[in-house]
């Protein structure tokens, strides 16, 4: 199985390939599509072994992978309103660009929120200059303050925080 590299066109969304319908919520296709979307955001691709490791049987993978891949790609491309999904938030948190603040549906862009995002970005910059444990704790605290302003689940906040810390650890290891 390969990564979902091509983007779905508007025609494909309006008229899905033959034999593909909306998956039932919580069904195998739905769960597999969600796993694929999250894994591609984190690792860049999905393999048979990744799906098997997530608990899908070989029969389920063979039977449902094509349909699940289609639905995963639809989910990855769903937001056209400039707002971020968790994978977009993770990308922005990793880059820590003061001009690219993540914003989700239901969140209000406010001066306080922008101030907290800039404080996080400054903490990341300080850590990159002088990587020691106090600086890393400061990064984590600033990020937590910012993420609590977004309507995210606790698991999503933790996922974004882990991604930021892992990114900083990679930078420290490269020194």
N, C-alpha and C. Protein backbone atom coordinates (compact mmCIF):
# COMPACT_ATOMS: atom_id res chain seq x y z
N UNK A 1 0.85 -1.16 0.00
CA UNK A 1 0.00 0.00 0.00
C UNK A 1 0.90 1.23 0.00
N UNK A 2 0.48 2.27 -0.60
CA UNK A 2 1.30 3.48 -0.71
C UNK A 2 0.64 4.64 0.00
N UNK A 3 1.40 5.70 0.12
CA UNK A 3 0.86 6.92 0.74
C UNK A 3 -0.19 7.53 -0.18
N UNK A 4 -1.11 8.24 0.41
CA UNK A 4 -2.11 8.94 -0.38
C UNK A 4 -1.46 10.21 -0.90
N UNK A 5 -0.89 10.13 -2.08
CA UNK A 5 -0.11 11.24 -2.59
C UNK A 5 -0.92 12.17 -3.47
N UNK A 6 -1.87 11.65 -4.22
CA UNK A 6 -2.63 12.51 -5.10
C UNK A 6 -3.75 13.19 -4.33
N UNK A 7 -4.18 14.31 -4.80
CA UNK A 7 -5.26 15.05 -4.17
C UNK A 7 -6.57 14.70 -4.88
N UNK A 8 -7.63 14.65 -4.14
CA UNK A 8 -8.93 14.33 -4.68
C UNK A 8 -9.50 15.57 -5.38
N UNK A 9 -9.99 15.39 -6.60
CA UNK A 9 -10.57 16.51 -7.32
C UNK A 9 -12.01 16.71 -6.89
N UNK A 10 -12.55 17.88 -7.21
CA UNK A 10 -13.94 18.16 -6.86
C UNK A 10 -14.88 17.18 -7.54
N UNK A 11 -14.55 16.75 -8.77
CA UNK A 11 -15.39 15.79 -9.48
C UNK A 11 -15.43 14.45 -8.75
N UNK A 12 -14.29 14.03 -8.19
CA UNK A 12 -14.25 12.77 -7.46
C UNK A 12 -15.06 12.85 -6.18
N UNK A 13 -15.06 14.02 -5.54
CA UNK A 13 -15.84 14.19 -4.32
C UNK A 13 -17.33 14.12 -4.65
N UNK A 14 -17.72 14.79 -5.73
CA UNK A 14 -19.13 14.79 -6.12
C UNK A 14 -19.55 13.42 -6.65
N UNK A 15 -18.66 12.74 -7.34
CA UNK A 15 -18.96 11.43 -7.93
C UNK A 15 -17.85 10.46 -7.57
N UNK A 16 -17.95 9.79 -6.42
CA UNK A 16 -16.89 8.86 -6.02
C UNK A 16 -16.77 7.71 -6.99
N UNK A 17 -15.61 7.05 -7.03
CA UNK A 17 -15.42 5.90 -7.91
C UNK A 17 -16.50 4.84 -7.67
N UNK A 18 -16.76 4.05 -8.69
CA UNK A 18 -17.80 3.02 -8.59
C UNK A 18 -17.55 2.11 -7.40
N UNK A 19 -18.61 1.79 -6.69
CA UNK A 19 -18.51 0.86 -5.57
C UNK A 19 -18.16 1.51 -4.24
N UNK A 20 -17.93 2.82 -4.22
CA UNK A 20 -17.56 3.49 -2.97
C UNK A 20 -18.73 4.33 -2.49
N UNK A 21 -19.14 4.08 -1.26
CA UNK A 21 -20.20 4.87 -0.65
C UNK A 21 -19.70 5.36 0.70
N UNK A 22 -20.47 6.18 1.37
CA UNK A 22 -20.06 6.68 2.68
C UNK A 22 -19.97 5.52 3.67
N UNK A 23 -18.88 5.45 4.42
CA UNK A 23 -18.74 4.35 5.38
C UNK A 23 -19.65 4.56 6.58
N UNK A 24 -20.16 3.47 7.15
CA UNK A 24 -20.95 3.64 8.37
C UNK A 24 -20.06 4.11 9.50
N UNK A 25 -20.57 5.01 10.32
CA UNK A 25 -19.79 5.54 11.45
C UNK A 25 -19.38 4.40 12.37
N UNK A 26 -18.11 4.36 12.70
CA UNK A 26 -17.60 3.33 13.61
C UNK A 26 -17.33 2.00 12.95
N UNK A 27 -17.64 1.86 11.66
CA UNK A 27 -17.38 0.62 10.95
C UNK A 27 -15.90 0.46 10.62
N UNK A 28 -15.56 -0.67 10.03
CA UNK A 28 -14.16 -0.96 9.70
C UNK A 28 -13.60 0.10 8.76
N UNK A 29 -14.35 0.45 7.72
CA UNK A 29 -13.86 1.44 6.75
C UNK A 29 -13.65 2.79 7.43
N UNK A 30 -14.58 3.19 8.26
CA UNK A 30 -14.47 4.47 8.97
C UNK A 30 -13.25 4.49 9.88
N UNK A 31 -13.08 3.43 10.67
CA UNK A 31 -11.92 3.36 11.57
C UNK A 31 -10.61 3.31 10.80
N UNK A 32 -10.59 2.55 9.70
CA UNK A 32 -9.37 2.43 8.90
C UNK A 32 -9.05 3.77 8.23
N UNK A 33 -10.06 4.46 7.72
CA UNK A 33 -9.84 5.77 7.09
C UNK A 33 -9.28 6.77 8.09
N UNK A 34 -9.82 6.78 9.30
CA UNK A 34 -9.33 7.70 10.32
C UNK A 34 -7.90 7.36 10.71
N UNK A 35 -7.60 6.07 10.86
CA UNK A 35 -6.22 5.66 11.17
C UNK A 35 -5.28 6.10 10.05
N UNK A 36 -5.68 5.88 8.80
CA UNK A 36 -4.84 6.26 7.66
C UNK A 36 -4.57 7.76 7.67
N UNK A 37 -5.62 8.56 7.89
CA UNK A 37 -5.45 10.02 7.89
C UNK A 37 -4.46 10.45 8.96
N UNK A 38 -4.62 9.92 10.18
CA UNK A 38 -3.73 10.29 11.28
C UNK A 38 -2.31 9.80 11.04
N UNK A 39 -2.17 8.58 10.53
CA UNK A 39 -0.83 8.02 10.32
C UNK A 39 -0.10 8.75 9.20
N UNK A 40 -0.82 9.11 8.15
CA UNK A 40 -0.19 9.86 7.06
C UNK A 40 0.26 11.23 7.55
N UNK A 41 -0.54 11.87 8.39
CA UNK A 41 -0.15 13.17 8.95
C UNK A 41 1.10 13.05 9.79
N UNK A 42 1.24 11.95 10.51
CA UNK A 42 2.39 11.77 11.41
C UNK A 42 3.60 11.20 10.70
N UNK A 43 3.40 10.19 9.85
CA UNK A 43 4.54 9.46 9.28
C UNK A 43 4.72 9.67 7.78
N UNK A 44 3.72 10.19 7.10
CA UNK A 44 3.85 10.44 5.68
C UNK A 44 3.29 9.36 4.77
N UNK A 45 3.09 8.16 5.28
CA UNK A 45 2.54 7.08 4.47
C UNK A 45 1.94 6.01 5.37
N UNK A 46 1.24 5.07 4.74
CA UNK A 46 0.64 3.95 5.46
C UNK A 46 0.99 2.67 4.72
N UNK A 47 1.45 1.67 5.44
CA UNK A 47 1.77 0.38 4.85
C UNK A 47 0.83 -0.69 5.39
N UNK A 48 0.88 -1.84 4.76
CA UNK A 48 0.10 -2.98 5.23
C UNK A 48 0.44 -3.28 6.68
N UNK A 49 1.73 -3.24 7.01
CA UNK A 49 2.17 -3.52 8.38
C UNK A 49 1.63 -2.50 9.37
N UNK A 50 1.54 -1.23 8.96
CA UNK A 50 0.96 -0.20 9.84
C UNK A 50 -0.49 -0.54 10.16
N UNK A 51 -1.24 -0.93 9.13
CA UNK A 51 -2.65 -1.26 9.33
C UNK A 51 -2.79 -2.51 10.20
N UNK A 52 -1.95 -3.51 9.94
CA UNK A 52 -2.00 -4.74 10.75
C UNK A 52 -1.63 -4.42 12.20
N UNK A 53 -0.65 -3.55 12.38
CA UNK A 53 -0.24 -3.16 13.73
C UNK A 53 -1.32 -2.40 14.47
N UNK A 54 -2.22 -1.76 13.72
CA UNK A 54 -3.32 -1.02 14.33
C UNK A 54 -4.50 -1.94 14.67
N UNK A 55 -4.35 -3.23 14.37
CA UNK A 55 -5.38 -4.19 14.75
C UNK A 55 -6.32 -4.62 13.64
N UNK A 56 -6.07 -4.19 12.41
CA UNK A 56 -6.90 -4.63 11.30
C UNK A 56 -6.39 -5.99 10.81
N UNK A 57 -7.31 -6.89 10.49
CA UNK A 57 -6.92 -8.21 10.00
C UNK A 57 -6.52 -8.10 8.53
N UNK A 58 -5.82 -9.12 8.04
CA UNK A 58 -5.41 -9.13 6.64
C UNK A 58 -6.63 -9.08 5.73
N UNK A 59 -7.68 -9.81 6.09
CA UNK A 59 -8.90 -9.81 5.28
C UNK A 59 -9.53 -8.42 5.24
N UNK A 60 -9.57 -7.72 6.38
CA UNK A 60 -10.13 -6.37 6.41
C UNK A 60 -9.30 -5.41 5.57
N UNK A 61 -7.99 -5.55 5.64
CA UNK A 61 -7.11 -4.67 4.88
C UNK A 61 -7.32 -4.89 3.38
N UNK A 62 -7.33 -6.15 2.97
CA UNK A 62 -7.51 -6.46 1.55
C UNK A 62 -8.87 -5.98 1.06
N UNK A 63 -9.90 -6.19 1.87
CA UNK A 63 -11.25 -5.85 1.45
C UNK A 63 -11.55 -4.35 1.50
N UNK A 64 -11.01 -3.65 2.48
CA UNK A 64 -11.45 -2.27 2.72
C UNK A 64 -10.39 -1.19 2.50
N UNK A 65 -9.15 -1.53 2.24
CA UNK A 65 -8.09 -0.52 2.18
C UNK A 65 -8.33 0.51 1.08
N UNK A 66 -8.77 0.09 -0.09
CA UNK A 66 -8.99 1.02 -1.20
C UNK A 66 -10.07 2.05 -0.83
N UNK A 67 -11.18 1.57 -0.31
CA UNK A 67 -12.27 2.46 0.08
C UNK A 67 -11.85 3.37 1.23
N UNK A 68 -11.15 2.80 2.20
CA UNK A 68 -10.69 3.60 3.35
C UNK A 68 -9.71 4.67 2.91
N UNK A 69 -8.82 4.33 1.96
CA UNK A 69 -7.85 5.32 1.46
C UNK A 69 -8.58 6.48 0.79
N UNK A 70 -9.62 6.17 0.04
CA UNK A 70 -10.41 7.22 -0.60
C UNK A 70 -11.03 8.15 0.45
N UNK A 71 -11.65 7.56 1.47
CA UNK A 71 -12.28 8.38 2.51
C UNK A 71 -11.25 9.13 3.36
N UNK A 72 -10.10 8.54 3.57
CA UNK A 72 -9.04 9.24 4.31
C UNK A 72 -8.60 10.48 3.56
N UNK A 73 -8.46 10.36 2.25
CA UNK A 73 -8.05 11.51 1.46
C UNK A 73 -9.13 12.60 1.48
N UNK A 74 -10.38 12.20 1.43
CA UNK A 74 -11.45 13.19 1.53
C UNK A 74 -11.37 13.94 2.86
N UNK A 75 -11.12 13.20 3.93
CA UNK A 75 -11.03 13.83 5.26
C UNK A 75 -9.83 14.76 5.35
N UNK A 76 -8.73 14.39 4.71
CA UNK A 76 -7.53 15.23 4.76
C UNK A 76 -7.74 16.54 4.03
N UNK A 77 -8.61 16.54 3.05
CA UNK A 77 -8.81 17.73 2.22
C UNK A 77 -10.10 18.46 2.52
N UNK A 78 -10.77 18.12 3.60
CA UNK A 78 -12.11 18.64 3.86
C UNK A 78 -12.14 20.14 4.17
N UNK A 79 -11.16 20.67 4.87
CA UNK A 79 -11.23 22.06 5.33
C UNK A 79 -10.81 23.02 4.22
N UNK A 80 -11.73 23.82 3.76
CA UNK A 80 -11.44 24.83 2.75
C UNK A 80 -11.63 26.24 3.30
N UNK A 81 -11.88 26.35 4.60
CA UNK A 81 -12.20 27.64 5.19
C UNK A 81 -11.01 28.29 5.91
N UNK A 82 -9.82 27.74 5.72
CA UNK A 82 -8.63 28.32 6.34
C UNK A 82 -8.41 27.89 7.77
N UNK A 83 -9.30 27.08 8.31
CA UNK A 83 -9.14 26.61 9.69
C UNK A 83 -8.38 25.30 9.70
N UNK A 84 -7.74 25.01 10.81
CA UNK A 84 -6.85 23.86 10.90
C UNK A 84 -7.51 22.65 11.54
N UNK A 85 -7.13 21.48 11.04
CA UNK A 85 -7.44 20.21 11.68
C UNK A 85 -6.22 19.89 12.55
N UNK A 86 -6.27 18.81 13.30
CA UNK A 86 -5.18 18.49 14.22
C UNK A 86 -3.85 18.31 13.48
N UNK A 87 -3.86 17.71 12.29
CA UNK A 87 -2.60 17.55 11.57
C UNK A 87 -2.02 18.90 11.14
N UNK A 88 -2.88 19.86 10.78
CA UNK A 88 -2.41 21.20 10.46
C UNK A 88 -1.89 21.93 11.68
N UNK A 89 -2.53 21.71 12.81
CA UNK A 89 -2.06 22.30 14.07
C UNK A 89 -0.68 21.77 14.40
N UNK A 90 -0.48 20.47 14.23
CA UNK A 90 0.82 19.86 14.53
C UNK A 90 1.91 20.45 13.64
N UNK A 91 1.62 20.62 12.37
CA UNK A 91 2.61 21.21 11.45
C UNK A 91 2.98 22.62 11.92
N UNK A 92 2.00 23.42 12.30
CA UNK A 92 2.27 24.79 12.74
C UNK A 92 2.98 24.83 14.08
N UNK A 93 2.62 23.92 14.98
CA UNK A 93 3.28 23.86 16.29
C UNK A 93 4.75 23.47 16.11
N UNK A 94 5.02 22.54 15.20
CA UNK A 94 6.42 22.13 14.95
C UNK A 94 7.24 23.28 14.37
N UNK A 95 6.64 24.05 13.48
CA UNK A 95 7.40 25.13 12.84
C UNK A 95 7.55 26.34 13.74
N UNK A 96 6.61 26.57 14.66
CA UNK A 96 6.65 27.69 15.61
C UNK A 96 6.91 29.02 14.91
N UNK A 97 6.13 29.28 13.87
CA UNK A 97 6.23 30.53 13.12
C UNK A 97 5.21 31.52 13.71
N UNK A 98 5.66 32.66 14.22
CA UNK A 98 4.73 33.61 14.85
C UNK A 98 3.64 34.11 13.90
N UNK A 99 3.90 34.06 12.59
CA UNK A 99 2.91 34.54 11.62
C UNK A 99 1.95 33.45 11.15
N UNK A 100 2.11 32.23 11.63
CA UNK A 100 1.26 31.11 11.20
C UNK A 100 0.60 30.46 12.41
N UNK A 101 -0.26 31.21 13.08
CA UNK A 101 -0.93 30.70 14.27
C UNK A 101 -2.03 29.71 13.88
N UNK A 102 -2.06 28.54 14.51
CA UNK A 102 -3.15 27.60 14.22
C UNK A 102 -4.48 28.11 14.76
N UNK A 103 -5.53 27.85 14.02
CA UNK A 103 -6.86 28.27 14.43
C UNK A 103 -7.86 27.21 13.99
N UNK A 104 -8.72 26.78 14.89
CA UNK A 104 -9.70 25.74 14.58
C UNK A 104 -11.10 26.34 14.51
N UNK A 105 -12.02 25.53 14.00
CA UNK A 105 -13.42 25.94 14.01
C UNK A 105 -13.84 26.10 15.47
N UNK A 106 -14.57 27.13 15.76
CA UNK A 106 -15.02 27.37 17.12
C UNK A 106 -14.07 28.22 17.94
N UNK A 107 -12.88 28.47 17.43
CA UNK A 107 -11.91 29.32 18.15
C UNK A 107 -12.03 30.74 17.61
N UNK A 108 -11.89 31.69 18.50
CA UNK A 108 -11.94 33.10 18.11
C UNK A 108 -10.53 33.67 18.14
N UNK A 109 -10.13 34.25 17.02
CA UNK A 109 -8.82 34.88 16.94
C UNK A 109 -8.87 36.15 17.78
N UNK A 110 -8.05 36.19 18.84
CA UNK A 110 -8.07 37.35 19.74
C UNK A 110 -6.64 37.81 20.01
N UNK A 111 -6.48 39.05 20.47
CA UNK A 111 -5.14 39.53 20.82
C UNK A 111 -4.48 38.67 21.89
N UNK A 112 -5.25 38.18 22.85
CA UNK A 112 -4.69 37.33 23.90
C UNK A 112 -4.16 36.03 23.31
N UNK A 113 -4.94 35.47 22.40
CA UNK A 113 -4.53 34.22 21.76
C UNK A 113 -3.25 34.44 20.94
N UNK A 114 -3.21 35.53 20.19
CA UNK A 114 -2.01 35.83 19.39
C UNK A 114 -0.80 36.06 20.29
N UNK A 115 -1.01 36.72 21.42
CA UNK A 115 0.07 36.96 22.37
C UNK A 115 0.61 35.64 22.93
N UNK A 116 -0.29 34.72 23.26
CA UNK A 116 0.16 33.42 23.78
C UNK A 116 0.88 32.61 22.71
N UNK A 117 0.43 32.71 21.45
CA UNK A 117 1.13 32.01 20.37
C UNK A 117 2.53 32.58 20.19
N UNK A 118 2.65 33.90 20.20
CA UNK A 118 3.98 34.52 20.06
C UNK A 118 4.87 34.16 21.24
N UNK A 119 4.31 34.06 22.44
CA UNK A 119 5.10 33.66 23.62
C UNK A 119 5.64 32.24 23.43
N UNK A 120 4.81 31.36 22.88
CA UNK A 120 5.27 29.99 22.59
C UNK A 120 6.39 30.03 21.55
N UNK A 121 6.22 30.80 20.49
CA UNK A 121 7.25 30.87 19.44
C UNK A 121 8.56 31.42 19.99
N UNK A 122 8.49 32.43 20.88
CA UNK A 122 9.71 32.97 21.51
C UNK A 122 10.37 31.91 22.38
N UNK A 123 9.58 31.13 23.10
CA UNK A 123 10.13 30.07 23.96
C UNK A 123 10.84 29.02 23.11
N UNK A 124 10.26 28.67 21.97
CA UNK A 124 10.90 27.71 21.06
C UNK A 124 12.21 28.28 20.54
N UNK A 125 12.20 29.55 20.14
CA UNK A 125 13.43 30.18 19.64
C UNK A 125 14.51 30.18 20.72
N UNK A 126 14.13 30.48 21.96
CA UNK A 126 15.10 30.48 23.06
C UNK A 126 15.66 29.08 23.28
N UNK A 127 14.81 28.07 23.20
CA UNK A 127 15.28 26.69 23.39
C UNK A 127 16.24 26.29 22.28
N UNK A 128 15.96 26.72 21.06
CA UNK A 128 16.84 26.36 19.93
C UNK A 128 18.21 27.00 20.09
N UNK A 129 18.27 28.18 20.71
CA UNK A 129 19.55 28.84 20.95
C UNK A 129 20.27 28.20 22.13
N UNK A 130 19.52 27.88 23.18
CA UNK A 130 20.11 27.36 24.42
C UNK A 130 19.28 26.18 24.94
N UNK A 131 19.50 24.98 24.36
CA UNK A 131 18.65 23.83 24.70
C UNK A 131 18.98 23.21 26.06
N UNK A 132 18.24 23.60 27.07
CA UNK A 132 18.38 22.94 28.36
C UNK A 132 16.99 22.72 28.95
N UNK A 133 16.89 21.91 29.99
CA UNK A 133 15.59 21.42 30.47
C UNK A 133 14.63 22.54 30.90
N UNK A 134 15.14 23.60 31.52
CA UNK A 134 14.25 24.68 31.93
C UNK A 134 13.58 25.32 30.72
N UNK A 135 14.36 25.52 29.68
CA UNK A 135 13.80 26.11 28.45
C UNK A 135 12.73 25.21 27.85
N UNK A 136 12.97 23.90 27.87
CA UNK A 136 12.00 22.96 27.32
C UNK A 136 10.70 22.98 28.14
N UNK A 137 10.80 23.05 29.46
CA UNK A 137 9.60 23.16 30.30
C UNK A 137 8.83 24.43 29.97
N UNK A 138 9.56 25.50 29.73
CA UNK A 138 8.92 26.77 29.37
C UNK A 138 8.17 26.65 28.04
N UNK A 139 8.78 25.97 27.07
CA UNK A 139 8.11 25.72 25.79
C UNK A 139 6.81 24.96 26.02
N UNK A 140 6.90 23.89 26.81
CA UNK A 140 5.71 23.06 27.08
C UNK A 140 4.61 23.87 27.77
N UNK A 141 4.98 24.70 28.73
CA UNK A 141 3.98 25.52 29.44
C UNK A 141 3.32 26.53 28.51
N UNK A 142 4.12 27.19 27.69
CA UNK A 142 3.57 28.19 26.76
C UNK A 142 2.65 27.53 25.73
N UNK A 143 3.06 26.37 25.24
CA UNK A 143 2.23 25.67 24.27
C UNK A 143 0.92 25.21 24.91
N UNK A 144 0.99 24.71 26.13
CA UNK A 144 -0.21 24.27 26.82
C UNK A 144 -1.17 25.44 27.03
N UNK A 145 -0.63 26.60 27.41
CA UNK A 145 -1.47 27.80 27.58
C UNK A 145 -2.20 28.13 26.28
N UNK A 146 -1.46 28.08 25.18
CA UNK A 146 -2.07 28.41 23.89
C UNK A 146 -3.11 27.37 23.49
N UNK A 147 -2.74 26.09 23.55
CA UNK A 147 -3.64 25.03 23.09
C UNK A 147 -4.93 24.96 23.91
N UNK A 148 -4.88 25.37 25.16
CA UNK A 148 -6.09 25.35 25.98
C UNK A 148 -7.13 26.37 25.49
N UNK A 149 -6.70 27.34 24.71
CA UNK A 149 -7.63 28.32 24.15
C UNK A 149 -8.35 27.78 22.91
N UNK A 150 -7.82 26.71 22.33
CA UNK A 150 -8.46 26.10 21.16
C UNK A 150 -9.43 25.02 21.62
N UNK A 151 -10.54 24.86 20.93
CA UNK A 151 -11.48 23.79 21.30
C UNK A 151 -10.97 22.43 20.82
N UNK A 152 -10.03 21.88 21.58
CA UNK A 152 -9.42 20.59 21.26
C UNK A 152 -9.68 19.61 22.39
N UNK A 153 -9.70 18.34 22.03
CA UNK A 153 -9.76 17.30 23.04
C UNK A 153 -8.42 17.23 23.75
N UNK A 154 -8.43 16.72 24.97
CA UNK A 154 -7.18 16.58 25.73
C UNK A 154 -6.17 15.73 24.95
N UNK A 155 -6.63 14.66 24.31
CA UNK A 155 -5.73 13.79 23.55
C UNK A 155 -5.12 14.54 22.36
N UNK A 156 -5.88 15.45 21.74
CA UNK A 156 -5.35 16.24 20.63
C UNK A 156 -4.30 17.23 21.13
N UNK A 157 -4.56 17.86 22.28
CA UNK A 157 -3.57 18.78 22.86
C UNK A 157 -2.28 18.02 23.17
N UNK A 158 -2.42 16.83 23.75
CA UNK A 158 -1.24 16.03 24.09
C UNK A 158 -0.48 15.61 22.83
N UNK A 159 -1.21 15.26 21.79
CA UNK A 159 -0.57 14.86 20.53
C UNK A 159 0.24 16.02 19.94
N UNK A 160 -0.33 17.21 19.95
CA UNK A 160 0.37 18.39 19.43
C UNK A 160 1.59 18.71 20.30
N UNK A 161 1.45 18.60 21.61
CA UNK A 161 2.57 18.87 22.52
C UNK A 161 3.69 17.86 22.31
N UNK A 162 3.34 16.58 22.17
CA UNK A 162 4.37 15.55 21.91
C UNK A 162 5.10 15.83 20.61
N UNK A 163 4.35 16.24 19.58
CA UNK A 163 4.97 16.53 18.29
C UNK A 163 5.97 17.68 18.41
N UNK A 164 5.61 18.70 19.18
CA UNK A 164 6.52 19.84 19.37
C UNK A 164 7.78 19.42 20.11
N UNK A 165 7.62 18.67 21.18
CA UNK A 165 8.78 18.22 21.97
C UNK A 165 9.67 17.30 21.13
N UNK A 166 9.06 16.40 20.37
CA UNK A 166 9.85 15.50 19.51
C UNK A 166 10.62 16.28 18.46
N UNK A 167 10.00 17.31 17.90
CA UNK A 167 10.68 18.15 16.90
C UNK A 167 11.89 18.85 17.52
N UNK A 168 11.71 19.38 18.73
CA UNK A 168 12.81 20.06 19.41
C UNK A 168 13.91 19.07 19.79
N UNK A 169 13.53 17.86 20.19
CA UNK A 169 14.52 16.84 20.54
C UNK A 169 15.34 16.45 19.32
N UNK A 170 14.70 16.38 18.14
CA UNK A 170 15.44 16.07 16.92
C UNK A 170 16.47 17.16 16.63
N UNK A 171 16.07 18.41 16.84
CA UNK A 171 17.00 19.53 16.62
C UNK A 171 18.16 19.50 17.58
N UNK A 172 17.90 19.13 18.83
CA UNK A 172 18.96 19.05 19.84
C UNK A 172 19.91 17.91 19.51
N UNK A 173 19.37 16.78 19.05
CA UNK A 173 20.20 15.62 18.72
C UNK A 173 21.10 15.90 17.51
N UNK A 174 20.66 16.80 16.64
CA UNK A 174 21.44 17.11 15.44
C UNK A 174 22.64 18.00 15.74
N UNK A 175 22.68 18.57 16.93
CA UNK A 175 23.78 19.48 17.28
C UNK A 175 25.06 18.76 17.47
